[in-house]
N, C-alpha and C. Protein backbone atom coordinates (compact mmCIF):
# COMPACT_ATOMS: atom_id res chain seq x y z
N MET A 1 62.36 91.33 38.26
CA MET A 1 62.28 92.07 39.52
C MET A 1 60.91 91.89 40.17
N THR A 2 60.91 91.77 41.48
CA THR A 2 59.67 91.68 42.23
C THR A 2 59.57 92.89 43.15
N TYR A 3 58.46 93.62 43.02
CA TYR A 3 58.28 94.85 43.78
C TYR A 3 57.15 94.68 44.80
N GLY A 4 57.35 95.23 45.99
CA GLY A 4 56.29 95.29 46.98
C GLY A 4 55.76 96.71 47.02
N TYR A 5 54.48 96.89 46.69
CA TYR A 5 53.90 98.24 46.69
C TYR A 5 52.97 98.41 47.89
N ILE A 6 53.19 99.48 48.65
CA ILE A 6 52.41 99.77 49.85
C ILE A 6 51.92 101.21 49.78
N ARG A 7 50.63 101.40 50.04
CA ARG A 7 50.09 102.77 50.09
C ARG A 7 49.14 102.89 51.27
N VAL A 8 49.31 103.96 52.04
CA VAL A 8 48.35 104.33 53.08
C VAL A 8 47.87 105.75 52.77
N SER A 9 46.67 106.08 53.25
CA SER A 9 46.06 107.36 52.87
C SER A 9 46.52 108.52 53.74
N THR A 10 46.84 108.27 55.01
CA THR A 10 47.24 109.35 55.90
C THR A 10 48.43 108.91 56.72
N ASP A 11 49.12 109.93 57.29
CA ASP A 11 50.30 109.62 58.11
C ASP A 11 49.93 108.99 59.44
N LYS A 12 48.60 108.93 59.74
CA LYS A 12 48.15 108.27 60.97
C LYS A 12 48.05 106.76 60.78
N GLN A 13 48.10 106.32 59.52
CA GLN A 13 48.07 104.90 59.25
C GLN A 13 49.50 104.38 59.15
N THR A 14 49.67 103.10 59.31
CA THR A 14 51.01 102.52 59.27
C THR A 14 51.16 101.59 58.07
N VAL A 15 52.36 101.57 57.53
CA VAL A 15 52.64 100.70 56.39
C VAL A 15 53.01 99.29 56.85
N GLU A 16 53.24 99.14 58.16
CA GLU A 16 53.78 97.88 58.65
C GLU A 16 52.83 96.70 58.44
N ASN A 17 51.51 96.92 58.56
CA ASN A 17 50.56 95.83 58.36
C ASN A 17 50.64 95.29 56.94
N GLN A 18 50.66 96.20 55.97
CA GLN A 18 50.75 95.76 54.57
C GLN A 18 52.09 95.09 54.29
N ARG A 19 53.15 95.65 54.87
CA ARG A 19 54.47 95.05 54.67
C ARG A 19 54.50 93.62 55.23
N PHE A 20 53.92 93.44 56.41
CA PHE A 20 53.88 92.10 57.02
C PHE A 20 53.12 91.13 56.14
N GLU A 21 51.98 91.56 55.59
CA GLU A 21 51.18 90.70 54.73
C GLU A 21 51.98 90.26 53.51
N ILE A 22 52.70 91.21 52.91
CA ILE A 22 53.47 90.90 51.69
C ILE A 22 54.63 89.97 52.02
N ILE A 23 55.33 90.24 53.11
CA ILE A 23 56.46 89.39 53.50
C ILE A 23 55.99 87.96 53.78
N ARG A 24 54.89 87.82 54.50
CA ARG A 24 54.36 86.49 54.81
C ARG A 24 53.95 85.77 53.53
N PHE A 25 53.32 86.50 52.60
CA PHE A 25 52.90 85.91 51.33
C PHE A 25 54.12 85.42 50.54
N CYS A 26 55.16 86.25 50.50
CA CYS A 26 56.36 85.88 49.75
C CYS A 26 57.05 84.67 50.37
N SER A 27 57.03 84.61 51.70
CA SER A 27 57.64 83.47 52.39
C SER A 27 56.94 82.16 52.01
N LYS A 28 55.62 82.20 51.93
CA LYS A 28 54.85 81.01 51.59
C LYS A 28 55.03 80.60 50.13
N ASN A 29 55.36 81.57 49.27
CA ASN A 29 55.45 81.29 47.84
C ASN A 29 56.88 81.36 47.30
N ASN A 30 57.85 81.34 48.23
CA ASN A 30 59.27 81.33 47.84
C ASN A 30 59.61 82.51 46.93
N LEU A 31 59.14 83.68 47.30
CA LEU A 31 59.44 84.89 46.55
C LEU A 31 60.26 85.84 47.40
N THR A 32 61.01 86.70 46.75
CA THR A 32 61.82 87.70 47.45
C THR A 32 61.54 89.08 46.86
N ILE A 33 61.25 90.05 47.71
CA ILE A 33 61.02 91.42 47.25
C ILE A 33 62.36 92.07 46.95
N ASP A 34 62.54 92.52 45.72
CA ASP A 34 63.78 93.19 45.33
C ASP A 34 63.76 94.68 45.66
N ASP A 35 62.56 95.26 45.68
CA ASP A 35 62.47 96.70 45.96
C ASP A 35 61.10 97.01 46.55
N TRP A 36 61.09 97.90 47.56
CA TRP A 36 59.84 98.31 48.20
C TRP A 36 59.49 99.72 47.75
N ILE A 37 58.22 99.94 47.45
CA ILE A 37 57.70 101.28 47.13
C ILE A 37 56.61 101.59 48.14
N GLU A 38 56.86 102.57 48.98
CA GLU A 38 55.91 102.94 50.02
C GLU A 38 55.54 104.42 49.86
N GLU A 39 54.26 104.75 50.06
CA GLU A 39 53.86 106.14 49.99
C GLU A 39 52.63 106.39 50.85
N THR A 40 52.53 107.63 51.32
CA THR A 40 51.37 108.08 52.09
C THR A 40 50.67 109.13 51.27
N ILE A 41 49.59 108.72 50.62
CA ILE A 41 48.88 109.62 49.71
C ILE A 41 47.50 109.04 49.43
N SER A 42 46.57 109.91 49.12
CA SER A 42 45.21 109.45 48.82
C SER A 42 45.18 108.67 47.51
N GLY A 43 44.37 107.62 47.50
CA GLY A 43 44.22 106.82 46.28
C GLY A 43 43.45 107.54 45.20
N THR A 44 42.86 108.71 45.52
CA THR A 44 42.14 109.48 44.51
C THR A 44 43.11 110.22 43.59
N LYS A 45 44.37 110.35 44.01
CA LYS A 45 45.38 111.00 43.17
C LYS A 45 45.70 110.10 41.99
N GLU A 46 45.88 110.71 40.83
CA GLU A 46 46.24 109.94 39.65
C GLU A 46 47.58 109.23 39.88
N PRO A 47 47.74 108.03 39.33
CA PRO A 47 49.00 107.30 39.51
C PRO A 47 50.22 108.12 39.10
N SER A 48 50.08 108.97 38.09
CA SER A 48 51.21 109.78 37.62
C SER A 48 51.70 110.76 38.68
N LYS A 49 50.82 111.08 39.65
CA LYS A 49 51.18 112.01 40.71
C LYS A 49 51.61 111.27 41.98
N ARG A 50 51.78 109.97 41.86
CA ARG A 50 52.19 109.15 43.00
C ARG A 50 53.48 108.39 42.65
N LYS A 51 54.08 107.79 43.67
CA LYS A 51 55.24 106.94 43.43
C LYS A 51 54.86 105.75 42.57
N LEU A 52 53.58 105.38 42.63
CA LEU A 52 53.09 104.28 41.79
C LEU A 52 53.35 104.58 40.32
N GLY A 53 53.15 105.82 39.91
CA GLY A 53 53.37 106.19 38.51
C GLY A 53 54.81 105.96 38.08
N LYS A 54 55.75 106.32 38.95
CA LYS A 54 57.17 106.10 38.64
C LYS A 54 57.46 104.61 38.54
N LEU A 55 56.85 103.82 39.44
CA LEU A 55 57.04 102.38 39.40
C LEU A 55 56.51 101.81 38.09
N LEU A 56 55.31 102.23 37.69
CA LEU A 56 54.71 101.71 36.46
C LEU A 56 55.54 102.06 35.23
N ASN A 57 56.23 103.20 35.28
CA ASN A 57 57.08 103.60 34.16
C ASN A 57 58.37 102.78 34.09
N ASN A 58 58.82 102.30 35.26
CA ASN A 58 60.13 101.63 35.31
C ASN A 58 60.06 100.12 35.15
N VAL A 59 58.90 99.50 35.41
CA VAL A 59 58.82 98.04 35.35
C VAL A 59 59.04 97.53 33.93
N GLN A 60 59.57 96.32 33.85
CA GLN A 60 59.87 95.69 32.57
C GLN A 60 59.03 94.42 32.40
N LYS A 61 59.03 93.89 31.19
CA LYS A 61 58.32 92.66 30.88
C LYS A 61 58.76 91.55 31.83
N GLY A 62 57.78 90.87 32.43
CA GLY A 62 58.08 89.77 33.33
C GLY A 62 58.19 90.18 34.79
N ASP A 63 58.25 91.49 35.08
CA ASP A 63 58.34 91.93 36.48
C ASP A 63 57.03 91.62 37.21
N LEU A 64 57.11 91.59 38.52
CA LEU A 64 55.96 91.28 39.36
C LEU A 64 55.78 92.36 40.42
N ILE A 65 54.55 92.88 40.52
CA ILE A 65 54.20 93.85 41.56
C ILE A 65 53.23 93.16 42.52
N ILE A 66 53.57 93.16 43.80
CA ILE A 66 52.72 92.55 44.82
C ILE A 66 52.20 93.64 45.76
N CYS A 67 50.90 93.67 45.99
CA CYS A 67 50.32 94.59 46.95
C CYS A 67 49.24 93.87 47.74
N SER A 68 48.79 94.48 48.82
CA SER A 68 47.86 93.79 49.71
C SER A 68 46.49 93.60 49.07
N GLU A 69 46.02 94.61 48.30
CA GLU A 69 44.71 94.51 47.65
C GLU A 69 44.63 95.51 46.51
N LEU A 70 43.68 95.30 45.62
CA LEU A 70 43.55 96.15 44.44
C LEU A 70 43.28 97.61 44.80
N SER A 71 42.62 97.85 45.92
CA SER A 71 42.29 99.22 46.31
C SER A 71 43.53 100.05 46.60
N ARG A 72 44.69 99.41 46.77
CA ARG A 72 45.93 100.16 46.97
C ARG A 72 46.35 100.87 45.68
N LEU A 73 45.87 100.36 44.53
CA LEU A 73 46.23 100.96 43.25
C LEU A 73 45.41 102.21 42.96
N GLY A 74 44.21 102.31 43.51
CA GLY A 74 43.35 103.47 43.25
C GLY A 74 42.05 103.36 44.01
N ARG A 75 41.30 104.48 44.04
CA ARG A 75 40.07 104.53 44.81
C ARG A 75 38.82 104.39 43.95
N ASN A 76 38.99 104.24 42.63
CA ASN A 76 37.82 104.01 41.79
C ASN A 76 38.16 102.95 40.75
N LEU A 77 37.11 102.32 40.24
CA LEU A 77 37.26 101.19 39.34
C LEU A 77 37.99 101.57 38.05
N PHE A 78 37.67 102.75 37.52
CA PHE A 78 38.27 103.17 36.25
C PHE A 78 39.79 103.31 36.40
N MET A 79 40.23 103.90 37.51
CA MET A 79 41.67 104.08 37.74
C MET A 79 42.37 102.74 37.86
N ILE A 80 41.76 101.82 38.61
CA ILE A 80 42.36 100.49 38.78
C ILE A 80 42.43 99.75 37.45
N MET A 81 41.34 99.83 36.68
CA MET A 81 41.32 99.15 35.38
C MET A 81 42.38 99.70 34.45
N SER A 82 42.60 101.01 34.48
CA SER A 82 43.61 101.62 33.63
C SER A 82 44.99 101.10 33.95
N VAL A 83 45.29 100.99 35.26
CA VAL A 83 46.59 100.46 35.68
C VAL A 83 46.75 99.01 35.25
N LEU A 84 45.74 98.20 35.50
CA LEU A 84 45.82 96.78 35.15
C LEU A 84 45.94 96.58 33.65
N ASN A 85 45.20 97.38 32.89
CA ASN A 85 45.25 97.25 31.43
C ASN A 85 46.64 97.60 30.90
N GLU A 86 47.21 98.69 31.42
CA GLU A 86 48.55 99.09 30.97
C GLU A 86 49.58 98.01 31.29
N MET A 87 49.50 97.45 32.51
CA MET A 87 50.46 96.43 32.90
C MET A 87 50.26 95.15 32.10
N MET A 88 49.01 94.84 31.77
CA MET A 88 48.72 93.66 30.96
C MET A 88 49.35 93.79 29.58
N LEU A 89 49.21 94.95 28.98
CA LEU A 89 49.76 95.19 27.65
C LEU A 89 51.30 95.11 27.66
N ARG A 90 51.89 95.49 28.78
CA ARG A 90 53.36 95.47 28.88
C ARG A 90 53.88 94.16 29.47
N GLU A 91 52.95 93.21 29.71
CA GLU A 91 53.28 91.88 30.22
C GLU A 91 53.97 91.95 31.57
N VAL A 92 53.45 92.83 32.43
CA VAL A 92 53.90 92.93 33.82
C VAL A 92 52.84 92.30 34.70
N ARG A 93 53.24 91.48 35.64
CA ARG A 93 52.29 90.78 36.51
C ARG A 93 51.97 91.63 37.74
N ILE A 94 50.71 91.57 38.17
CA ILE A 94 50.27 92.19 39.42
C ILE A 94 49.52 91.15 40.23
N TRP A 95 49.99 90.93 41.44
CA TRP A 95 49.32 89.98 42.34
C TRP A 95 48.87 90.72 43.59
N THR A 96 47.66 90.41 44.05
CA THR A 96 47.18 90.98 45.31
C THR A 96 46.92 89.85 46.29
N ILE A 97 47.03 90.15 47.57
CA ILE A 97 46.94 89.12 48.60
C ILE A 97 45.51 88.92 49.08
N LYS A 98 44.87 89.98 49.56
CA LYS A 98 43.51 89.85 50.10
C LYS A 98 42.51 89.47 49.01
N ASP A 99 42.65 90.07 47.82
CA ASP A 99 41.73 89.78 46.72
C ASP A 99 42.04 88.46 46.03
N ASN A 100 43.27 87.96 46.26
CA ASN A 100 43.75 86.76 45.57
C ASN A 100 43.67 86.95 44.05
N TYR A 101 44.04 88.16 43.61
CA TYR A 101 43.97 88.48 42.18
C TYR A 101 45.33 88.24 41.53
N ARG A 102 45.33 87.67 40.33
CA ARG A 102 46.56 87.39 39.60
C ARG A 102 46.44 87.90 38.17
N LEU A 103 47.18 88.94 37.88
CA LEU A 103 47.26 89.42 36.50
C LEU A 103 48.55 88.87 35.90
N GLY A 104 48.42 87.98 34.92
CA GLY A 104 49.59 87.34 34.35
C GLY A 104 49.46 87.17 32.85
N ASP A 105 49.96 86.04 32.36
CA ASP A 105 49.95 85.81 30.92
C ASP A 105 49.05 84.64 30.52
N ASP A 106 48.09 84.29 31.41
CA ASP A 106 47.20 83.19 31.09
C ASP A 106 45.98 83.70 30.32
N ILE A 107 45.11 82.80 29.87
CA ILE A 107 43.96 83.17 29.06
C ILE A 107 42.97 84.03 29.85
N GLN A 108 42.86 83.76 31.16
CA GLN A 108 41.95 84.55 31.99
C GLN A 108 42.38 86.02 32.02
N SER A 109 43.69 86.23 32.15
CA SER A 109 44.19 87.59 32.16
C SER A 109 43.97 88.29 30.83
N LYS A 110 44.09 87.54 29.73
CA LYS A 110 43.87 88.14 28.41
C LYS A 110 42.42 88.54 28.23
N VAL A 111 41.51 87.72 28.75
CA VAL A 111 40.09 88.08 28.69
C VAL A 111 39.83 89.32 29.53
N LEU A 112 40.44 89.36 30.73
CA LEU A 112 40.27 90.52 31.59
C LEU A 112 40.86 91.77 30.96
N ALA A 113 42.01 91.62 30.27
CA ALA A 113 42.63 92.77 29.62
C ALA A 113 41.70 93.36 28.57
N PHE A 114 41.02 92.49 27.81
CA PHE A 114 40.05 92.97 26.82
C PHE A 114 38.91 93.71 27.50
N ALA A 115 38.43 93.14 28.62
CA ALA A 115 37.34 93.77 29.35
C ALA A 115 37.78 95.11 29.92
N PHE A 116 39.01 95.19 30.46
CA PHE A 116 39.52 96.43 31.00
C PHE A 116 39.60 97.50 29.91
N GLY A 117 40.17 97.10 28.77
CA GLY A 117 40.32 98.06 27.67
C GLY A 117 38.99 98.56 27.17
N LEU A 118 38.02 97.66 27.03
CA LEU A 118 36.69 98.05 26.56
C LEU A 118 36.01 98.96 27.58
N SER A 119 36.11 98.61 28.85
CA SER A 119 35.49 99.42 29.89
C SER A 119 36.10 100.81 29.93
N ALA A 120 37.43 100.89 29.79
CA ALA A 120 38.10 102.18 29.80
C ALA A 120 37.66 103.04 28.62
N GLU A 121 37.51 102.40 27.46
CA GLU A 121 37.08 103.15 26.27
C GLU A 121 35.65 103.66 26.45
N ILE A 122 34.77 102.82 27.00
CA ILE A 122 33.38 103.24 27.24
C ILE A 122 33.35 104.41 28.22
N GLU A 123 34.15 104.31 29.28
CA GLU A 123 34.19 105.38 30.29
C GLU A 123 34.69 106.68 29.68
N ARG A 124 35.72 106.60 28.82
CA ARG A 124 36.24 107.81 28.17
C ARG A 124 35.16 108.44 27.30
N ASN A 125 34.42 107.61 26.58
CA ASN A 125 33.34 108.14 25.73
C ASN A 125 32.24 108.78 26.56
N LEU A 126 31.92 108.17 27.69
CA LEU A 126 30.89 108.74 28.56
C LEU A 126 31.34 110.08 29.15
N ILE A 127 32.60 110.15 29.54
CA ILE A 127 33.14 111.41 30.07
C ILE A 127 33.08 112.49 29.01
N SER A 128 33.48 112.13 27.78
CA SER A 128 33.45 113.09 26.67
C SER A 128 32.03 113.58 26.41
N GLN A 129 31.08 112.64 26.44
CA GLN A 129 29.68 113.00 26.20
C GLN A 129 29.16 113.92 27.30
N ARG A 130 29.47 113.59 28.56
CA ARG A 130 29.01 114.42 29.67
C ARG A 130 29.63 115.81 29.60
N THR A 131 30.89 115.88 29.19
CA THR A 131 31.56 117.17 29.08
C THR A 131 30.91 118.04 28.00
N LYS A 132 30.64 117.44 26.85
CA LYS A 132 30.01 118.19 25.77
C LYS A 132 28.62 118.69 26.17
N GLU A 133 27.87 117.83 26.87
CA GLU A 133 26.53 118.24 27.31
C GLU A 133 26.61 119.39 28.32
N ALA A 134 27.60 119.31 29.24
CA ALA A 134 27.75 120.36 30.24
C ALA A 134 28.15 121.68 29.59
N LEU A 135 29.06 121.62 28.60
CA LEU A 135 29.48 122.83 27.90
C LEU A 135 28.33 123.45 27.13
N ALA A 136 27.54 122.60 26.48
CA ALA A 136 26.38 123.11 25.73
C ALA A 136 25.39 123.80 26.67
N ARG A 137 25.18 123.21 27.85
CA ARG A 137 24.26 123.80 28.83
C ARG A 137 24.78 125.13 29.34
N LYS A 138 26.08 125.21 29.63
CA LYS A 138 26.67 126.46 30.09
C LYS A 138 26.59 127.55 29.03
N LYS A 139 26.83 127.14 27.80
CA LYS A 139 26.77 128.11 26.70
C LYS A 139 25.36 128.65 26.54
N ALA A 140 24.36 127.75 26.68
CA ALA A 140 22.96 128.18 26.58
C ALA A 140 22.59 129.12 27.72
N GLU A 141 23.26 128.98 28.87
CA GLU A 141 22.98 129.83 30.02
C GLU A 141 23.74 131.15 29.96
N GLY A 142 24.56 131.31 28.90
CA GLY A 142 25.28 132.56 28.74
C GLY A 142 26.62 132.60 29.44
N VAL A 143 27.10 131.44 29.90
CA VAL A 143 28.40 131.40 30.58
C VAL A 143 29.51 131.50 29.55
N LYS A 144 30.49 132.35 29.82
CA LYS A 144 31.61 132.52 28.90
C LYS A 144 32.52 131.31 29.00
N LEU A 145 32.76 130.66 27.87
CA LEU A 145 33.59 129.47 27.83
C LEU A 145 34.97 129.81 27.28
N GLY A 146 35.87 128.88 27.45
CA GLY A 146 37.22 129.08 26.93
C GLY A 146 38.25 128.95 28.02
N ARG A 147 39.50 128.95 27.64
CA ARG A 147 40.61 128.81 28.58
C ARG A 147 40.73 130.07 29.42
N PRO A 148 40.86 129.90 30.76
CA PRO A 148 41.03 131.08 31.61
C PRO A 148 42.31 131.83 31.27
N LYS A 149 42.34 133.11 31.60
CA LYS A 149 43.55 133.89 31.39
C LYS A 149 44.67 133.32 32.26
N GLU A 150 45.91 133.56 31.84
CA GLU A 150 47.05 133.01 32.54
C GLU A 150 47.09 133.45 34.00
N THR A 151 46.70 134.72 34.26
CA THR A 151 46.70 135.20 35.64
C THR A 151 45.68 134.45 36.49
N GLU A 152 44.57 134.03 35.89
CA GLU A 152 43.56 133.28 36.62
C GLU A 152 44.03 131.86 36.90
N LEU A 153 44.76 131.28 35.95
CA LEU A 153 45.24 129.91 36.11
C LEU A 153 46.20 129.79 37.28
N LYS A 154 46.99 130.83 37.53
CA LYS A 154 47.97 130.78 38.60
C LYS A 154 47.32 130.56 39.96
N TYR A 155 46.11 131.13 40.13
CA TYR A 155 45.46 131.09 41.43
C TYR A 155 44.34 130.06 41.49
N TYR A 156 44.20 129.23 40.46
CA TYR A 156 43.10 128.28 40.40
C TYR A 156 43.11 127.33 41.60
N LYS A 157 44.30 126.84 41.99
CA LYS A 157 44.40 125.87 43.08
C LYS A 157 44.16 126.50 44.45
N LEU A 158 44.27 127.82 44.53
CA LEU A 158 44.11 128.51 45.81
C LEU A 158 42.71 129.07 46.00
N ARG A 159 42.01 129.32 44.91
CA ARG A 159 40.71 129.97 44.99
C ARG A 159 39.73 129.14 45.82
N GLY A 160 39.09 129.79 46.79
CA GLY A 160 38.12 129.11 47.64
C GLY A 160 38.72 128.47 48.88
N HIS A 161 40.07 128.56 49.03
CA HIS A 161 40.74 127.93 50.18
C HIS A 161 41.25 128.97 51.17
N GLU A 162 40.68 130.16 51.16
CA GLU A 162 41.16 131.23 52.03
C GLU A 162 41.11 130.82 53.51
N ASP A 163 40.00 130.20 53.92
CA ASP A 163 39.85 129.82 55.33
C ASP A 163 40.91 128.80 55.74
N GLU A 164 41.23 127.88 54.83
CA GLU A 164 42.26 126.89 55.14
C GLU A 164 43.62 127.55 55.28
N ILE A 165 43.90 128.55 54.43
CA ILE A 165 45.17 129.27 54.51
C ILE A 165 45.26 130.01 55.84
N TRP A 166 44.16 130.68 56.23
CA TRP A 166 44.11 131.37 57.53
C TRP A 166 44.42 130.38 58.65
N MET A 167 43.77 129.21 58.62
CA MET A 167 43.93 128.22 59.68
C MET A 167 45.39 127.76 59.77
N LEU A 168 46.00 127.51 58.64
CA LEU A 168 47.39 127.04 58.63
C LEU A 168 48.33 128.13 59.14
N LEU A 169 48.05 129.38 58.78
CA LEU A 169 48.86 130.48 59.29
C LEU A 169 48.71 130.62 60.79
N ASP A 170 47.47 130.49 61.29
CA ASP A 170 47.24 130.57 62.74
C ASP A 170 47.97 129.46 63.48
N GLN A 171 48.17 128.32 62.80
CA GLN A 171 48.89 127.21 63.41
C GLN A 171 50.40 127.34 63.20
N ARG A 172 50.79 128.51 62.64
CA ARG A 172 52.20 128.85 62.41
C ARG A 172 52.89 127.88 61.45
N VAL A 173 52.15 127.37 60.48
CA VAL A 173 52.74 126.55 59.43
C VAL A 173 53.48 127.49 58.47
N PRO A 174 54.76 127.23 58.16
CA PRO A 174 55.50 128.10 57.25
C PRO A 174 54.80 128.23 55.90
N LYS A 175 54.89 129.42 55.34
CA LYS A 175 54.18 129.67 54.08
C LYS A 175 54.73 128.81 52.94
N THR A 176 56.03 128.46 53.02
CA THR A 176 56.58 127.56 51.99
C THR A 176 55.90 126.19 52.06
N HIS A 177 55.57 125.75 53.28
CA HIS A 177 54.87 124.47 53.44
C HIS A 177 53.42 124.58 52.95
N ILE A 178 52.81 125.74 53.21
CA ILE A 178 51.44 125.95 52.74
C ILE A 178 51.40 125.90 51.21
N ALA A 179 52.41 126.50 50.59
CA ALA A 179 52.49 126.47 49.12
C ALA A 179 52.60 125.03 48.62
N ASP A 180 53.38 124.20 49.34
CA ASP A 180 53.52 122.79 48.95
C ASP A 180 52.19 122.06 49.08
N ILE A 181 51.43 122.38 50.14
CA ILE A 181 50.15 121.72 50.37
C ILE A 181 49.20 121.94 49.19
N PHE A 182 49.21 123.17 48.65
CA PHE A 182 48.30 123.49 47.55
C PHE A 182 48.97 123.35 46.18
N ASP A 183 50.21 122.84 46.17
CA ASP A 183 50.92 122.57 44.92
C ASP A 183 51.08 123.83 44.07
N VAL A 184 51.50 124.92 44.71
CA VAL A 184 51.81 126.15 44.00
C VAL A 184 53.17 126.64 44.47
N THR A 185 53.72 127.63 43.78
CA THR A 185 54.99 128.20 44.21
C THR A 185 54.74 129.18 45.35
N PRO A 186 55.74 129.40 46.21
CA PRO A 186 55.58 130.39 47.28
C PRO A 186 55.21 131.77 46.73
N ALA A 187 55.80 132.15 45.59
CA ALA A 187 55.51 133.46 45.01
C ALA A 187 54.03 133.58 44.64
N THR A 188 53.46 132.51 44.09
CA THR A 188 52.03 132.53 43.75
C THR A 188 51.19 132.66 45.01
N LEU A 189 51.56 131.93 46.07
CA LEU A 189 50.84 132.03 47.34
C LEU A 189 50.89 133.44 47.89
N TYR A 190 52.09 134.07 47.87
CA TYR A 190 52.23 135.42 48.41
C TYR A 190 51.34 136.41 47.65
N ARG A 191 51.34 136.30 46.31
CA ARG A 191 50.52 137.22 45.50
C ARG A 191 49.04 137.03 45.79
N TYR A 192 48.64 135.76 45.94
CA TYR A 192 47.22 135.50 46.20
C TYR A 192 46.82 136.01 47.59
N MET A 193 47.69 135.81 48.57
CA MET A 193 47.41 136.32 49.92
C MET A 193 47.24 137.83 49.89
N LYS A 194 48.06 138.51 49.11
CA LYS A 194 47.95 139.97 49.00
C LYS A 194 46.64 140.37 48.36
N ILE A 195 46.21 139.61 47.35
CA ILE A 195 44.97 139.92 46.64
C ILE A 195 43.77 139.79 47.56
N VAL A 196 43.74 138.72 48.40
CA VAL A 196 42.56 138.47 49.24
C VAL A 196 42.69 139.11 50.62
N GLY A 197 43.81 139.81 50.86
CA GLY A 197 43.93 140.56 52.11
C GLY A 197 44.47 139.77 53.29
N ILE A 198 45.22 138.71 53.03
CA ILE A 198 45.84 137.95 54.11
C ILE A 198 47.25 138.50 54.31
N PRO A 199 47.60 138.96 55.54
CA PRO A 199 48.91 139.59 55.77
C PRO A 199 50.05 138.61 55.57
N LEU A 200 51.18 139.15 55.08
CA LEU A 200 52.34 138.32 54.78
C LEU A 200 53.34 138.27 55.92
N GLU A 201 53.24 139.20 56.92
CA GLU A 201 54.25 139.29 57.97
C GLU A 201 54.35 137.99 58.75
N LYS A 202 55.56 137.51 58.95
CA LYS A 202 55.76 136.24 59.64
C LYS A 202 55.41 136.33 61.12
N ASP A 203 55.68 137.51 61.75
CA ASP A 203 55.49 137.62 63.19
C ASP A 203 54.16 138.25 63.55
N VAL A 204 53.26 138.38 62.60
CA VAL A 204 51.95 138.97 62.86
C VAL A 204 50.88 137.94 62.60
N PHE A 205 50.07 137.65 63.60
CA PHE A 205 48.96 136.73 63.45
C PHE A 205 47.68 137.54 63.44
N THR A 206 46.63 136.99 62.94
CA THR A 206 45.43 137.77 62.70
C THR A 206 44.20 137.10 63.22
N THR A 207 43.19 137.91 63.48
CA THR A 207 41.88 137.41 63.85
C THR A 207 40.89 137.83 62.78
N ARG A 208 40.09 136.88 62.31
CA ARG A 208 39.08 137.22 61.32
C ARG A 208 37.95 137.97 61.99
N MET A 209 37.62 139.15 61.50
CA MET A 209 36.54 139.94 62.02
C MET A 209 35.22 139.46 61.42
N PRO A 210 34.07 139.82 62.02
CA PRO A 210 32.77 139.35 61.51
C PRO A 210 32.53 139.70 60.05
N ASP A 211 33.10 140.84 59.59
CA ASP A 211 32.89 141.24 58.20
C ASP A 211 33.89 140.61 57.26
N GLY A 212 34.76 139.71 57.81
CA GLY A 212 35.74 139.02 56.97
C GLY A 212 37.07 139.73 56.88
N SER A 213 37.19 140.95 57.47
CA SER A 213 38.45 141.67 57.41
C SER A 213 39.43 141.10 58.42
N ALA A 214 40.69 141.52 58.31
CA ALA A 214 41.74 141.00 59.17
C ALA A 214 42.11 142.01 60.23
N HIS A 215 42.26 141.55 61.47
CA HIS A 215 42.74 142.38 62.56
C HIS A 215 44.05 141.79 63.03
N PRO A 216 45.20 142.47 62.79
CA PRO A 216 46.49 141.90 63.16
C PRO A 216 46.72 141.94 64.65
N HIS A 217 47.34 140.90 65.14
CA HIS A 217 47.80 140.93 66.52
C HIS A 217 49.05 140.08 66.62
N GLY A 218 49.95 140.50 67.43
CA GLY A 218 51.24 139.81 67.57
C GLY A 218 51.84 140.21 68.88
N PRO A 219 53.19 140.15 68.99
CA PRO A 219 53.84 140.53 70.24
C PRO A 219 53.48 141.95 70.63
N GLY A 220 52.91 142.14 71.82
CA GLY A 220 52.60 143.46 72.30
C GLY A 220 51.27 143.98 71.85
N THR A 221 50.49 143.18 71.12
CA THR A 221 49.17 143.61 70.65
C THR A 221 48.15 142.58 71.00
N HIS A 222 46.89 142.95 70.93
CA HIS A 222 45.82 142.02 71.20
C HIS A 222 44.63 142.44 70.36
N PRO A 223 43.87 141.51 69.80
CA PRO A 223 42.79 141.90 68.91
C PRO A 223 41.72 142.74 69.58
N ASP A 224 41.62 142.72 70.93
CA ASP A 224 40.60 143.50 71.60
C ASP A 224 41.10 144.87 72.00
N GLN A 225 42.40 145.15 71.82
CA GLN A 225 42.95 146.44 72.23
C GLN A 225 42.72 147.47 71.13
């Protein structure tokens, strides 16, 4: 199977340029794309949280993934190396057009696979070392360590985003969509809004007062009345 992988970071970008590049490349090399994988998501997201992750799980030995450039796979070197190393071990080919990169079964790819694996191991060790040093420093400063309570974990993704939630509500974005944006359940969003004092009423909009409190206004009301 030959796959065409396309990723853009925002919905303001178009996939058509990358698609054209891949189609033109395949035409010159007598290749045919059997399946297209397109997504609009930041490259900073882990592959497992992208369509790319599903693709990497489904490919078989001998399959070929074609993309416009290596940066489509991820936004940092470690992430890209991890993807290439995994595909190398599973004997899946990855070709890029702009970079003219070929991950295959030749000796050059085997050398690169060793380098990728070694680099990934070094990076993991460095991360572990930095984590241990940070924990030791926090402990010395008297910071309480350990797993947060379950109630705290529920609101971890929302904490510190109150202003963004206010803005989305003012733009009349449905709360179910806001929950999707922050990757939480609607019930968790509702409970957190109640905790921080953001009104839940659908037909009531609010103005933030100088002291941070909420002043409701809606049909028949005005914040200055």
